[in-house]
PDB file of all heavy atoms in Angstrom:
ATOM      1  N   ALA A   1      20.037 191.486-120.695  1.00  0.00           N
ATOM      2  CA  ALA A   1      20.969 192.336-121.266  1.00  0.00           C
ATOM      3  C   ALA A   1      20.271 193.641-121.773  1.00  0.00           C
ATOM      4  O   ALA A   1      19.119 193.640-122.074  1.00  0.00           O
ATOM      5  CB  ALA A   1      21.649 191.663-122.449  1.00  0.00           C
ATOM      6  N   GLU A   2      21.067 194.711-121.801  1.00  0.00           N
ATOM      7  CA  GLU A   2      20.539 195.908-122.350  1.00  0.00           C
ATOM      8  C   GLU A   2      21.605 196.646-123.114  1.00  0.00           C
ATOM      9  O   GLU A   2      22.801 196.446-122.906  1.00  0.00           O
ATOM     10  CB  GLU A   2      20.016 196.800-121.243  1.00  0.00           C
ATOM     11  CG  GLU A   2      20.957 197.156-120.227  1.00  0.00           C
ATOM     12  CD  GLU A   2      20.364 198.018-119.069  1.00  0.00           C
ATOM     13  OE1 GLU A   2      19.137 198.339-119.123  1.00  0.00           O
ATOM     14  OE2 GLU A   2      21.157 198.398-118.197  1.00  0.00           O
ATOM     15  N   ILE A   3      21.156 197.444-124.062  1.00  0.00           N
ATOM     16  CA  ILE A   3      22.063 198.222-124.834  1.00  0.00           C
ATOM     17  C   ILE A   3      21.571 199.671-125.018  1.00  0.00           C
ATOM     18  O   ILE A   3      20.399 199.836-125.346  1.00  0.00           O
ATOM     19  CB  ILE A   3      22.330 197.548-126.204  1.00  0.00           C
ATOM     20  CG1 ILE A   3      23.440 198.295-127.004  1.00  0.00           C
ATOM     21  CG2 ILE A   3      21.066 197.418-127.030  1.00  0.00           C
ATOM     22  CD1 ILE A   3      23.974 197.488-128.202  1.00  0.00           C
ATOM     23  N   THR A   4      22.349 200.642-124.774  1.00  0.00           N
ATOM     24  CA  THR A   4      21.931 202.066-124.903  1.00  0.00           C
ATOM     25  C   THR A   4      21.864 202.532-126.325  1.00  0.00           C
ATOM     26  O   THR A   4      22.382 201.825-127.249  1.00  0.00           O
ATOM     27  CB  THR A   4      22.881 202.988-124.109  1.00  0.00           C
ATOM     28  OG1 THR A   4      24.177 202.996-124.689  1.00  0.00           O
ATOM     29  CG2 THR A   4      23.065 202.437-122.610  1.00  0.00           C
ATOM     30  N   ARG A   5      21.385 203.720-126.487  1.00  0.00           N
ATOM     31  CA  ARG A   5      21.338 204.323-127.860  1.00  0.00           C
ATOM     32  C   ARG A   5      22.819 204.421-128.393  1.00  0.00           C
ATOM     33  O   ARG A   5      22.991 204.480-129.582  1.00  0.00           O
ATOM     34  CB  ARG A   5      20.616 205.623-127.805  1.00  0.00           C
ATOM     35  CG  ARG A   5      20.603 206.325-129.104  1.00  0.00           C
ATOM     36  CD  ARG A   5      19.663 207.545-129.120  1.00  0.00           C
ATOM     37  NE  ARG A   5      19.745 208.313-130.382  1.00  0.00           N
ATOM     38  CZ  ARG A   5      19.040 207.988-131.401  1.00  0.00           C
ATOM     39  NH1 ARG A   5      18.235 206.915-131.394  1.00  0.00           N
ATOM     40  NH2 ARG A   5      19.145 208.746-132.529  1.00  0.00           N
ATOM     41  N   GLY A   6      23.745 204.731-127.428  1.00  0.00           N
ATOM     42  CA  GLY A   6      25.105 204.899-127.873  1.00  0.00           C
ATOM     43  C   GLY A   6      25.830 203.637-128.054  1.00  0.00           C
ATOM     44  O   GLY A   6      27.065 203.666-128.393  1.00  0.00           O
ATOM     45  N   GLY A   7      25.215 202.497-127.831  1.00  0.00           N
ATOM     46  CA  GLY A   7      25.870 201.154-128.111  1.00  0.00           C
ATOM     47  C   GLY A   7      26.510 200.575-126.916  1.00  0.00           C
ATOM     48  O   GLY A   7      27.149 199.503-127.093  1.00  0.00           O
ATOM     49  N   ARG A   8      26.389 201.116-125.719  1.00  0.00           N
ATOM     50  CA  ARG A   8      26.951 200.517-124.569  1.00  0.00           C
ATOM     51  C   ARG A   8      26.047 199.424-124.092  1.00  0.00           C
ATOM     52  O   ARG A   8      24.842 199.588-124.010  1.00  0.00           O
ATOM     53  CB  ARG A   8      27.189 201.573-123.505  1.00  0.00           C
ATOM     54  CG  ARG A   8      28.181 202.638-123.807  1.00  0.00           C
ATOM     55  CD  ARG A   8      28.383 203.544-122.608  1.00  0.00           C
ATOM     56  NE  ARG A   8      29.342 204.574-122.824  1.00  0.00           N
ATOM     57  CZ  ARG A   8      29.748 205.454-121.970  1.00  0.00           C
ATOM     58  NH1 ARG A   8      29.145 205.491-120.750  1.00  0.00           N
ATOM     59  NH2 ARG A   8      30.637 206.354-122.242  1.00  0.00           N
ATOM     60  N   SER A   9      26.618 198.282-123.714  1.00  0.00           N
ATOM     61  CA  SER A   9      25.812 197.111-123.328  1.00  0.00           C
ATOM     62  C   SER A   9      26.175 196.656-121.949  1.00  0.00           C
ATOM     63  O   SER A   9      27.334 196.786-121.499  1.00  0.00           O
ATOM     64  CB  SER A   9      25.967 195.978-124.344  1.00  0.00           C
ATOM     65  OG  SER A   9      27.262 195.564-124.424  1.00  0.00           O
ATOM     66  N   GLN A  10      25.256 196.019-121.322  1.00  0.00           N
ATOM     67  CA  GLN A  10      25.440 195.261-120.052  1.00  0.00           C
ATOM     68  C   GLN A  10      24.724 193.961-120.103  1.00  0.00           C
ATOM     69  O   GLN A  10      23.748 193.819-120.779  1.00  0.00           O
ATOM     70  CB  GLN A  10      24.824 196.137-118.860  1.00  0.00           C
ATOM     71  CG  GLN A  10      25.441 197.434-118.635  1.00  0.00           C
ATOM     72  CD  GLN A  10      24.828 198.185-117.458  1.00  0.00           C
ATOM     73  OE1 GLN A  10      23.774 197.820-117.004  1.00  0.00           O
ATOM     74  NE2 GLN A  10      25.510 199.204-116.923  1.00  0.00           N
ATOM     75  N   HIS A  11      25.321 192.962-119.471  1.00  0.00           N
ATOM     76  CA  HIS A  11      24.778 191.618-119.447  1.00  0.00           C
ATOM     77  C   HIS A  11      24.695 191.166-117.989  1.00  0.00           C
ATOM     78  O   HIS A  11      25.546 191.428-117.195  1.00  0.00           O
ATOM     79  CB  HIS A  11      25.590 190.725-120.311  1.00  0.00           C
ATOM     80  CG  HIS A  11      25.763 191.081-121.699  1.00  0.00           C
ATOM     81  ND1 HIS A  11      26.557 192.043-122.156  1.00  0.00           N
ATOM     82  CD2 HIS A  11      25.094 190.611-122.816  1.00  0.00           C
ATOM     83  CE1 HIS A  11      26.428 192.195-123.484  1.00  0.00           C
ATOM     84  NE2 HIS A  11      25.574 191.289-123.902  1.00  0.00           N
ATOM     85  N   ALA A  12      23.659 190.441-117.706  1.00  0.00           N
ATOM     86  CA  ALA A  12      23.585 189.795-116.419  1.00  0.00           C
ATOM     87  C   ALA A  12      24.771 188.854-116.186  1.00  0.00           C
ATOM     88  O   ALA A  12      25.204 188.231-117.106  1.00  0.00           O
ATOM     89  CB  ALA A  12      22.262 189.079-116.246  1.00  0.00           C
ATOM     90  N   ASP A  13      25.152 188.774-114.896  1.00  0.00           N
ATOM     91  CA  ASP A  13      26.262 187.868-114.548  1.00  0.00           C
ATOM     92  C   ASP A  13      26.074 186.411-115.014  1.00  0.00           C
ATOM     93  O   ASP A  13      27.055 185.761-115.423  1.00  0.00           O
ATOM     94  CB  ASP A  13      26.559 187.908-113.090  1.00  0.00           C
ATOM     95  CG  ASP A  13      27.084 189.140-112.566  1.00  0.00           C
ATOM     96  OD1 ASP A  13      27.714 190.005-113.432  1.00  0.00           O
ATOM     97  OD2 ASP A  13      27.028 189.473-111.396  1.00  0.00           O
ATOM     98  N   SER A  14      24.828 186.044-114.990  1.00  0.00           N
ATOM     99  CA  SER A  14      24.540 184.615-115.331  1.00  0.00           C
ATOM    100  C   SER A  14      24.730 184.306-116.852  1.00  0.00           C
ATOM    101  O   SER A  14      24.829 183.134-117.150  1.00  0.00           O
ATOM    102  CB  SER A  14      23.054 184.313-114.930  1.00  0.00           C
ATOM    103  OG  SER A  14      22.180 185.179-115.646  1.00  0.00           O
ATOM    104  N   VAL A  15      24.779 185.295-117.674  1.00  0.00           N
ATOM    105  CA  VAL A  15      24.951 185.107-119.083  1.00  0.00           C
ATOM    106  C   VAL A  15      26.210 185.741-119.683  1.00  0.00           C
ATOM    107  O   VAL A  15      26.481 185.580-120.871  1.00  0.00           O
ATOM    108  CB  VAL A  15      23.709 185.643-119.900  1.00  0.00           C
ATOM    109  CG1 VAL A  15      22.387 185.040-119.296  1.00  0.00           C
ATOM    110  CG2 VAL A  15      23.680 187.198-119.853  1.00  0.00           C
ATOM    111  N   LYS A  16      26.962 186.440-118.873  1.00  0.00           N
ATOM    112  CA  LYS A  16      28.195 187.038-119.409  1.00  0.00           C
ATOM    113  C   LYS A  16      29.122 185.971-119.968  1.00  0.00           C
ATOM    114  O   LYS A  16      29.376 184.889-119.359  1.00  0.00           O
ATOM    115  CB  LYS A  16      28.915 187.755-118.256  1.00  0.00           C
ATOM    116  CG  LYS A  16      28.313 189.128-117.881  1.00  0.00           C
ATOM    117  CD  LYS A  16      29.115 189.782-116.753  1.00  0.00           C
ATOM    118  CE  LYS A  16      28.522 191.117-116.497  1.00  0.00           C
ATOM    119  NZ  LYS A  16      29.230 191.848-115.409  1.00  0.00           N
ATOM    120  N   GLY A  17      29.664 186.320-121.144  1.00  0.00           N
ATOM    121  CA  GLY A  17      30.577 185.435-121.817  1.00  0.00           C
ATOM    122  C   GLY A  17      29.822 184.409-122.745  1.00  0.00           C
ATOM    123  O   GLY A  17      30.494 183.759-123.509  1.00  0.00           O
ATOM    124  N   ARG A  18      28.498 184.364-122.601  1.00  0.00           N
ATOM    125  CA  ARG A  18      27.750 183.399-123.441  1.00  0.00           C
ATOM    126  C   ARG A  18      26.730 184.174-124.278  1.00  0.00           C
ATOM    127  O   ARG A  18      26.461 183.694-125.412  1.00  0.00           O
ATOM    128  CB  ARG A  18      26.968 182.392-122.487  1.00  0.00           C
ATOM    129  CG  ARG A  18      27.913 181.606-121.587  1.00  0.00           C
ATOM    130  CD  ARG A  18      27.091 180.529-120.930  1.00  0.00           C
ATOM    131  NE  ARG A  18      26.090 181.084-120.041  1.00  0.00           N
ATOM    132  CZ  ARG A  18      24.758 180.859-120.131  1.00  0.00           C
ATOM    133  NH1 ARG A  18      24.322 180.124-121.155  1.00  0.00           N
ATOM    134  NH2 ARG A  18      23.941 181.343-119.240  1.00  0.00           N
ATOM    135  N   PHE A  19      26.144 185.239-123.791  1.00  0.00           N
ATOM    136  CA  PHE A  19      25.145 185.988-124.539  1.00  0.00           C
ATOM    137  C   PHE A  19      25.750 187.291-124.988  1.00  0.00           C
ATOM    138  O   PHE A  19      26.539 187.910-124.260  1.00  0.00           O
ATOM    139  CB  PHE A  19      23.916 186.250-123.762  1.00  0.00           C
ATOM    140  CG  PHE A  19      23.050 185.055-123.376  1.00  0.00           C
ATOM    141  CD1 PHE A  19      23.499 183.765-123.643  1.00  0.00           C
ATOM    142  CD2 PHE A  19      21.805 185.290-122.777  1.00  0.00           C
ATOM    143  CE1 PHE A  19      22.756 182.641-123.344  1.00  0.00           C
ATOM    144  CE2 PHE A  19      21.020 184.141-122.443  1.00  0.00           C
ATOM    145  CZ  PHE A  19      21.471 182.900-122.756  1.00  0.00           C
ATOM    146  N   THR A  20      25.278 187.835-126.111  1.00  0.00           N
ATOM    147  CA  THR A  20      25.753 189.086-126.618  1.00  0.00           C
ATOM    148  C   THR A  20      24.611 189.865-127.178  1.00  0.00           C
ATOM    149  O   THR A  20      23.883 189.407-128.123  1.00  0.00           O
ATOM    150  CB  THR A  20      26.848 188.987-127.715  1.00  0.00           C
ATOM    151  OG1 THR A  20      28.001 188.313-127.136  1.00  0.00           O
ATOM    152  CG2 THR A  20      27.310 190.417-128.154  1.00  0.00           C
ATOM    153  N   ILE A  21      24.294 191.086-126.642  1.00  0.00           N
ATOM    154  CA  ILE A  21      23.252 191.893-127.212  1.00  0.00           C
ATOM    155  C   ILE A  21      23.836 192.847-128.228  1.00  0.00           C
ATOM    156  O   ILE A  21      24.985 193.349-128.116  1.00  0.00           O
ATOM    157  CB  ILE A  21      22.525 192.646-126.059  1.00  0.00           C
ATOM    158  CG1 ILE A  21      21.263 193.394-126.646  1.00  0.00           C
ATOM    159  CG2 ILE A  21      23.464 193.699-125.390  1.00  0.00           C
ATOM    160  CD1 ILE A  21      20.391 193.926-125.512  1.00  0.00           C
ATOM    161  N   SER A  22      23.116 193.129-129.274  1.00  0.00           N
ATOM    162  CA  SER A  22      23.473 194.106-130.354  1.00  0.00           C
ATOM    163  C   SER A  22      22.288 194.760-130.902  1.00  0.00           C
ATOM    164  O   SER A  22      21.170 194.309-130.648  1.00  0.00           O
ATOM    165  CB  SER A  22      24.359 193.408-131.394  1.00  0.00           C
ATOM    166  OG  SER A  22      23.570 192.407-132.044  1.00  0.00           O
ATOM    167  N   ARG A  23      22.512 195.770-131.683  1.00  0.00           N
ATOM    168  CA  ARG A  23      21.363 196.458-132.343  1.00  0.00           C
ATOM    169  C   ARG A  23      21.737 196.921-133.721  1.00  0.00           C
ATOM    170  O   ARG A  23      22.855 197.210-134.029  1.00  0.00           O
ATOM    171  CB  ARG A  23      20.894 197.636-131.497  1.00  0.00           C
ATOM    172  CG  ARG A  23      21.872 198.745-131.263  1.00  0.00           C
ATOM    173  CD  ARG A  23      21.420 199.811-130.226  1.00  0.00           C
ATOM    174  NE  ARG A  23      20.263 200.536-130.611  1.00  0.00           N
ATOM    175  CZ  ARG A  23      19.558 201.369-129.847  1.00  0.00           C
ATOM    176  NH1 ARG A  23      19.902 201.539-128.594  1.00  0.00           N
ATOM    177  NH2 ARG A  23      18.527 202.026-130.366  1.00  0.00           N
ATOM    178  N   ASP A  24      20.726 197.026-134.553  1.00  0.00           N
ATOM    179  CA  ASP A  24      20.871 197.515-135.895  1.00  0.00           C
ATOM    180  C   ASP A  24      20.056 198.823-135.962  1.00  0.00           C
ATOM    181  O   ASP A  24      18.791 198.757-135.890  1.00  0.00           O
ATOM    182  CB  ASP A  24      20.366 196.531-136.886  1.00  0.00           C
ATOM    183  CG  ASP A  24      20.594 196.922-138.350  1.00  0.00           C
ATOM    184  OD1 ASP A  24      20.467 198.086-138.653  1.00  0.00           O
ATOM    185  OD2 ASP A  24      20.948 196.107-139.112  1.00  0.00           O
ATOM    186  N   TYR A  25      20.710 199.875-136.012  1.00  0.00           N
ATOM    187  CA  TYR A  25      19.973 201.217-135.983  1.00  0.00           C
ATOM    188  C   TYR A  25      19.059 201.371-137.156  1.00  0.00           C
ATOM    189  O   TYR A  25      17.946 201.958-137.010  1.00  0.00           O
ATOM    190  CB  TYR A  25      20.972 202.382-135.854  1.00  0.00           C
ATOM    191  CG  TYR A  25      21.758 202.374-134.578  1.00  0.00           C
ATOM    192  CD1 TYR A  25      22.937 201.679-134.469  1.00  0.00           C
ATOM    193  CD2 TYR A  25      21.298 203.030-133.417  1.00  0.00           C
ATOM    194  CE1 TYR A  25      23.703 201.672-133.276  1.00  0.00           C
ATOM    195  CE2 TYR A  25      21.990 203.009-132.204  1.00  0.00           C
ATOM    196  CZ  TYR A  25      23.208 202.342-132.202  1.00  0.00           C
ATOM    197  OH  TYR A  25      23.934 202.360-131.015  1.00  0.00           O
ATOM    198  N   ALA A  26      19.536 201.014-138.285  1.00  0.00           N
ATOM    199  CA  ALA A  26      18.746 201.255-139.528  1.00  0.00           C
ATOM    200  C   ALA A  26      17.512 200.383-139.549  1.00  0.00           C
ATOM    201  O   ALA A  26      16.527 200.759-140.140  1.00  0.00           O
ATOM    202  CB  ALA A  26      19.644 200.926-140.756  1.00  0.00           C
ATOM    203  N   LYS A  27      17.555 199.208-138.878  1.00  0.00           N
ATOM    204  CA  LYS A  27      16.448 198.324-138.982  1.00  0.00           C
ATOM    205  C   LYS A  27      15.599 198.360-137.658  1.00  0.00           C
ATOM    206  O   LYS A  27      14.622 197.601-137.570  1.00  0.00           O
ATOM    207  CB  LYS A  27      16.921 196.869-139.193  1.00  0.00           C
ATOM    208  CG  LYS A  27      17.566 196.562-140.500  1.00  0.00           C
ATOM    209  CD  LYS A  27      17.989 195.143-140.640  1.00  0.00           C
ATOM    210  CE  LYS A  27      18.517 194.858-141.999  1.00  0.00           C
ATOM    211  NZ  LYS A  27      18.965 193.463-142.215  1.00  0.00           N
ATOM    212  N   ASN A  28      15.983 199.228-136.732  1.00  0.00           N
ATOM    213  CA  ASN A  28      15.286 199.373-135.453  1.00  0.00           C
ATOM    214  C   ASN A  28      15.083 197.952-134.820  1.00  0.00           C
ATOM    215  O   ASN A  28      14.001 197.599-134.302  1.00  0.00           O
ATOM    216  CB  ASN A  28      13.837 199.903-135.670  1.00  0.00           C
ATOM    217  CG  ASN A  28      13.944 201.384-136.063  1.00  0.00           C
ATOM    218  OD1 ASN A  28      14.853 202.162-135.612  1.00  0.00           O
ATOM    219  ND2 ASN A  28      12.962 201.872-136.767  1.00  0.00           N
ATOM    220  N   THR A  29      16.161 197.185-134.790  1.00  0.00           N
ATOM    221  CA  THR A  29      16.145 195.881-134.296  1.00  0.00           C
ATOM    222  C   THR A  29      17.205 195.542-133.369  1.00  0.00           C
ATOM    223  O   THR A  29      18.369 196.066-133.439  1.00  0.00           O
ATOM    224  CB  THR A  29      16.301 194.878-135.519  1.00  0.00           C
ATOM    225  OG1 THR A  29      15.317 195.042-136.494  1.00  0.00           O
ATOM    226  CG2 THR A  29      16.339 193.415-135.073  1.00  0.00           C
ATOM    227  N   VAL A  30      16.849 194.799-132.329  1.00  0.00           N
ATOM    228  CA  VAL A  30      17.825 194.342-131.304  1.00  0.00           C
ATOM    229  C   VAL A  30      17.925 192.879-131.313  1.00  0.00           C
ATOM    230  O   VAL A  30      16.968 192.183-131.592  1.00  0.00           O
ATOM    231  CB  VAL A  30      17.355 194.880-129.848  1.00  0.00           C
ATOM    232  CG1 VAL A  30      16.013 194.291-129.499  1.00  0.00           C
ATOM    233  CG2 VAL A  30      18.415 194.530-128.816  1.00  0.00           C
ATOM    234  N   TYR A  31      19.185 192.370-131.138  1.00  0.00           N
ATOM    235  CA  TYR A  31      19.404 191.019-131.184  1.00  0.00           C
ATOM    236  C   TYR A  31      19.990 190.459-129.868  1.00  0.00           C
ATOM    237  O   TYR A  31      20.574 191.218-129.131  1.00  0.00           O
ATOM    238  CB  TYR A  31      20.401 190.691-132.246  1.00  0.00           C
ATOM    239  CG  TYR A  31      20.003 191.249-133.673  1.00  0.00           C
ATOM    240  CD1 TYR A  31      20.499 192.424-134.108  1.00  0.00           C
ATOM    241  CD2 TYR A  31      19.254 190.465-134.523  1.00  0.00           C
ATOM    242  CE1 TYR A  31      20.154 192.881-135.382  1.00  0.00           C
ATOM    243  CE2 TYR A  31      18.922 190.905-135.806  1.00  0.00           C
ATOM    244  CZ  TYR A  31      19.311 192.138-136.214  1.00  0.00           C
ATOM    245  OH  TYR A  31      19.012 192.583-137.465  1.00  0.00           O
ATOM    246  N   LEU A  32      19.781 189.172-129.667  1.00  0.00           N
ATOM    247  CA  LEU A  32      20.455 188.543-128.530  1.00  0.00           C
ATOM    248  C   LEU A  32      21.043 187.256-129.040  1.00  0.00           C
ATOM    249  O   LEU A  32      20.324 186.264-129.365  1.00  0.00           O
ATOM    250  CB  LEU A  32      19.483 188.241-127.395  1.00  0.00           C
ATOM    251  CG  LEU A  32      20.090 187.624-126.172  1.00  0.00           C
ATOM    252  CD1 LEU A  32      21.005 188.750-125.451  1.00  0.00           C
ATOM    253  CD2 LEU A  32      18.987 187.149-125.204  1.00  0.00           C
ATOM    254  N   GLN A  33      22.338 187.207-129.170  1.00  0.00           N
ATOM    255  CA  GLN A  33      23.077 185.993-129.603  1.00  0.00           C
ATOM    256  C   GLN A  33      23.306 185.145-128.345  1.00  0.00           C
ATOM    257  O   GLN A  33      24.019 185.649-127.526  1.00  0.00           O
ATOM    258  CB  GLN A  33      24.301 186.382-130.350  1.00  0.00           C
ATOM    259  CG  GLN A  33      25.217 185.156-130.786  1.00  0.00           C
ATOM    260  CD  GLN A  33      24.451 184.303-131.819  1.00  0.00           C
ATOM    261  OE1 GLN A  33      24.009 184.819-132.845  1.00  0.00           O
ATOM    262  NE2 GLN A  33      24.394 183.075-131.614  1.00  0.00           N
ATOM    263  N   MET A  34      22.788 183.976-128.350  1.00  0.00           N
ATOM    264  CA  MET A  34      22.954 183.098-127.212  1.00  0.00           C
ATOM    265  C   MET A  34      23.772 181.880-127.580  1.00  0.00           C
ATOM    266  O   MET A  34      23.394 181.175-128.556  1.00  0.00           O
ATOM    267  CB  MET A  34      21.540 182.734-126.720  1.00  0.00           C
ATOM    268  CG  MET A  34      20.673 183.899-126.317  1.00  0.00           C
ATOM    269  SD  MET A  34      19.140 183.301-125.605  1.00  0.00           S
ATOM    270  CE  MET A  34      18.346 182.517-126.996  1.00  0.00           C
ATOM    271  N   SER A  35      24.879 181.623-126.900  1.00  0.00           N
ATOM    272  CA  SER A  35      25.701 180.543-127.141  1.00  0.00           C
ATOM    273  C   SER A  35      25.910 179.793-125.840  1.00  0.00           C
ATOM    274  O   SER A  35      25.669 180.308-124.748  1.00  0.00           O
ATOM    275  CB  SER A  35      27.070 180.950-127.739  1.00  0.00           C
ATOM    276  OG  SER A  35      26.934 181.665-128.929  1.00  0.00           O
ATOM    277  N   SER A  36      26.466 178.554-125.999  1.00  0.00           N
ATOM    278  CA  SER A  36      26.668 177.705-124.827  1.00  0.00           C
ATOM    279  C   SER A  36      25.452 177.656-123.880  1.00  0.00           C
ATOM    280  O   SER A  36      25.566 177.787-122.625  1.00  0.00           O
ATOM    281  CB  SER A  36      27.916 178.204-124.009  1.00  0.00           C
ATOM    282  OG  SER A  36      29.057 178.228-124.822  1.00  0.00           O
ATOM    283  N   LEU A  37      24.394 177.430-124.403  1.00  0.00           N
ATOM    284  CA  LEU A  37      23.095 177.501-123.738  1.00  0.00           C
ATOM    285  C   LEU A  37      23.007 176.400-122.644  1.00  0.00           C
ATOM    286  O   LEU A  37      23.463 175.278-122.889  1.00  0.00           O
ATOM    287  CB  LEU A  37      21.874 177.404-124.687  1.00  0.00           C
ATOM    288  CG  LEU A  37      21.627 178.664-125.455  1.00  0.00           C
ATOM    289  CD1 LEU A  37      20.752 178.392-126.694  1.00  0.00           C
ATOM    290  CD2 LEU A  37      20.833 179.653-124.501  1.00  0.00           C
ATOM    291  N   LYS A  38      22.407 176.715-121.575  1.00  0.00           N
ATOM    292  CA  LYS A  38      22.224 175.762-120.477  1.00  0.00           C
ATOM    293  C   LYS A  38      20.690 175.578-120.216  1.00  0.00           C
ATOM    294  O   LYS A  38      19.958 176.477-120.524  1.00  0.00           O
ATOM    295  CB  LYS A  38      22.876 176.356-119.186  1.00  0.00           C
ATOM    296  CG  LYS A  38      24.366 176.702-119.328  1.00  0.00           C
ATOM    297  CD  LYS A  38      24.814 177.386-118.105  1.00  0.00           C
ATOM    298  CE  LYS A  38      26.328 177.761-118.207  1.00  0.00           C
ATOM    299  NZ  LYS A  38      26.786 178.403-116.963  1.00  0.00           N
ATOM    300  N   PRO A  39      20.366 174.497-119.570  1.00  0.00           N
ATOM    301  CA  PRO A  39      18.936 174.267-119.297  1.00  0.00           C
ATOM    302  C   PRO A  39      18.323 175.373-118.468  1.00  0.00           C
ATOM    303  O   PRO A  39      17.213 175.699-118.575  1.00  0.00           O
ATOM    304  CB  PRO A  39      18.953 172.951-118.503  1.00  0.00           C
ATOM    305  CG  PRO A  39      20.109 172.184-119.078  1.00  0.00           C
ATOM    306  CD  PRO A  39      21.196 173.270-119.325  1.00  0.00           C
ATOM    307  N   GLU A  40      19.096 175.956-117.583  1.00  0.00           N
ATOM    308  CA  GLU A  40      18.661 177.127-116.755  1.00  0.00           C
ATOM    309  C   GLU A  40      18.314 178.335-117.559  1.00  0.00           C
ATOM    310  O   GLU A  40      17.813 179.306-117.064  1.00  0.00           O
ATOM    311  CB  GLU A  40      19.608 177.436-115.617  1.00  0.00           C
ATOM    312  CG  GLU A  40      21.068 177.541-116.015  1.00  0.00           C
ATOM    313  CD  GLU A  40      21.829 176.256-115.809  1.00  0.00           C
ATOM    314  OE1 GLU A  40      21.316 175.151-116.174  1.00  0.00           O
ATOM    315  OE2 GLU A  40      22.907 176.339-115.272  1.00  0.00           O
ATOM    316  N   ASP A  41      18.730 178.401-118.807  1.00  0.00           N
ATOM    317  CA  ASP A  41      18.373 179.548-119.700  1.00  0.00           C
ATOM    318  C   ASP A  41      16.971 179.374-120.242  1.00  0.00           C
ATOM    319  O   ASP A  41      16.440 180.320-120.872  1.00  0.00           O
ATOM    320  CB  ASP A  41      19.383 179.641-120.873  1.00  0.00           C
ATOM    321  CG  ASP A  41      20.786 179.940-120.469  1.00  0.00           C
ATOM    322  OD1 ASP A  41      20.893 180.779-119.560  1.00  0.00           O
ATOM    323  OD2 ASP A  41      21.697 179.374-120.994  1.00  0.00           O
ATOM    324  N   THR A  42      16.306 178.286-119.988  1.00  0.00           N
ATOM    325  CA  THR A  42      14.939 178.044-120.451  1.00  0.00           C
ATOM    326  C   THR A  42      14.034 179.092-119.902  1.00  0.00           C
ATOM    327  O   THR A  42      13.953 179.183-118.606  1.00  0.00           O
ATOM    328  CB  THR A  42      14.452 176.656-120.141  1.00  0.00           C
ATOM    329  OG1 THR A  42      15.275 175.710-120.847  1.00  0.00           O
ATOM    330  CG2 THR A  42      13.030 176.393-120.534  1.00  0.00           C
ATOM    331  N   ALA A  43      13.283 179.784-120.678  1.00  0.00           N
ATOM    332  CA  ALA A  43      12.426 180.847-120.260  1.00  0.00           C
ATOM    333  C   ALA A  43      11.700 181.444-121.441  1.00  0.00           C
ATOM    334  O   ALA A  43      12.040 181.084-122.660  1.00  0.00           O
ATOM    335  CB  ALA A  43      13.200 181.942-119.481  1.00  0.00           C
ATOM    336  N   VAL A  44      10.745 182.315-121.191  1.00  0.00           N
ATOM    337  CA  VAL A  44      10.148 183.151-122.268  1.00  0.00           C
ATOM    338  C   VAL A  44      10.977 184.442-122.232  1.00  0.00           C
ATOM    339  O   VAL A  44      11.164 185.120-121.271  1.00  0.00           O
ATOM    340  CB  VAL A  44       8.671 183.439-121.977  1.00  0.00           C
ATOM    341  CG1 VAL A  44       8.188 184.453-123.080  1.00  0.00           C
ATOM    342  CG2 VAL A  44       7.890 182.200-122.007  1.00  0.00           C
ATOM    343  N   TYR A  45      11.497 184.776-123.410  1.00  0.00           N
ATOM    344  CA  TYR A  45      12.294 185.930-123.570  1.00  0.00           C
ATOM    345  C   TYR A  45      11.501 187.078-124.200  1.00  0.00           C
ATOM    346  O   TYR A  45      10.815 186.948-125.240  1.00  0.00           O
ATOM    347  CB  TYR A  45      13.511 185.600-124.451  1.00  0.00           C
ATOM    348  CG  TYR A  45      14.574 184.785-123.753  1.00  0.00           C
ATOM    349  CD1 TYR A  45      14.373 183.470-123.403  1.00  0.00           C
ATOM    350  CD2 TYR A  45      15.795 185.419-123.347  1.00  0.00           C
ATOM    351  CE1 TYR A  45      15.311 182.741-122.660  1.00  0.00           C
ATOM    352  CE2 TYR A  45      16.750 184.686-122.650  1.00  0.00           C
ATOM    353  CZ  TYR A  45      16.548 183.385-122.349  1.00  0.00           C
ATOM    354  OH  TYR A  45      17.517 182.626-121.616  1.00  0.00           O
TER     355      TYR A  45
END
């Protein structure tokens, strides 16, 4: 997933509907909320 400076996001088809990317501008932080996790999501992120 990726998110632009303007807040527009894109998610890979494999995670759409399950993962959500977001950012906190004040904290210079990006998040990835992952739900309904599957074994195939196992990886180093």
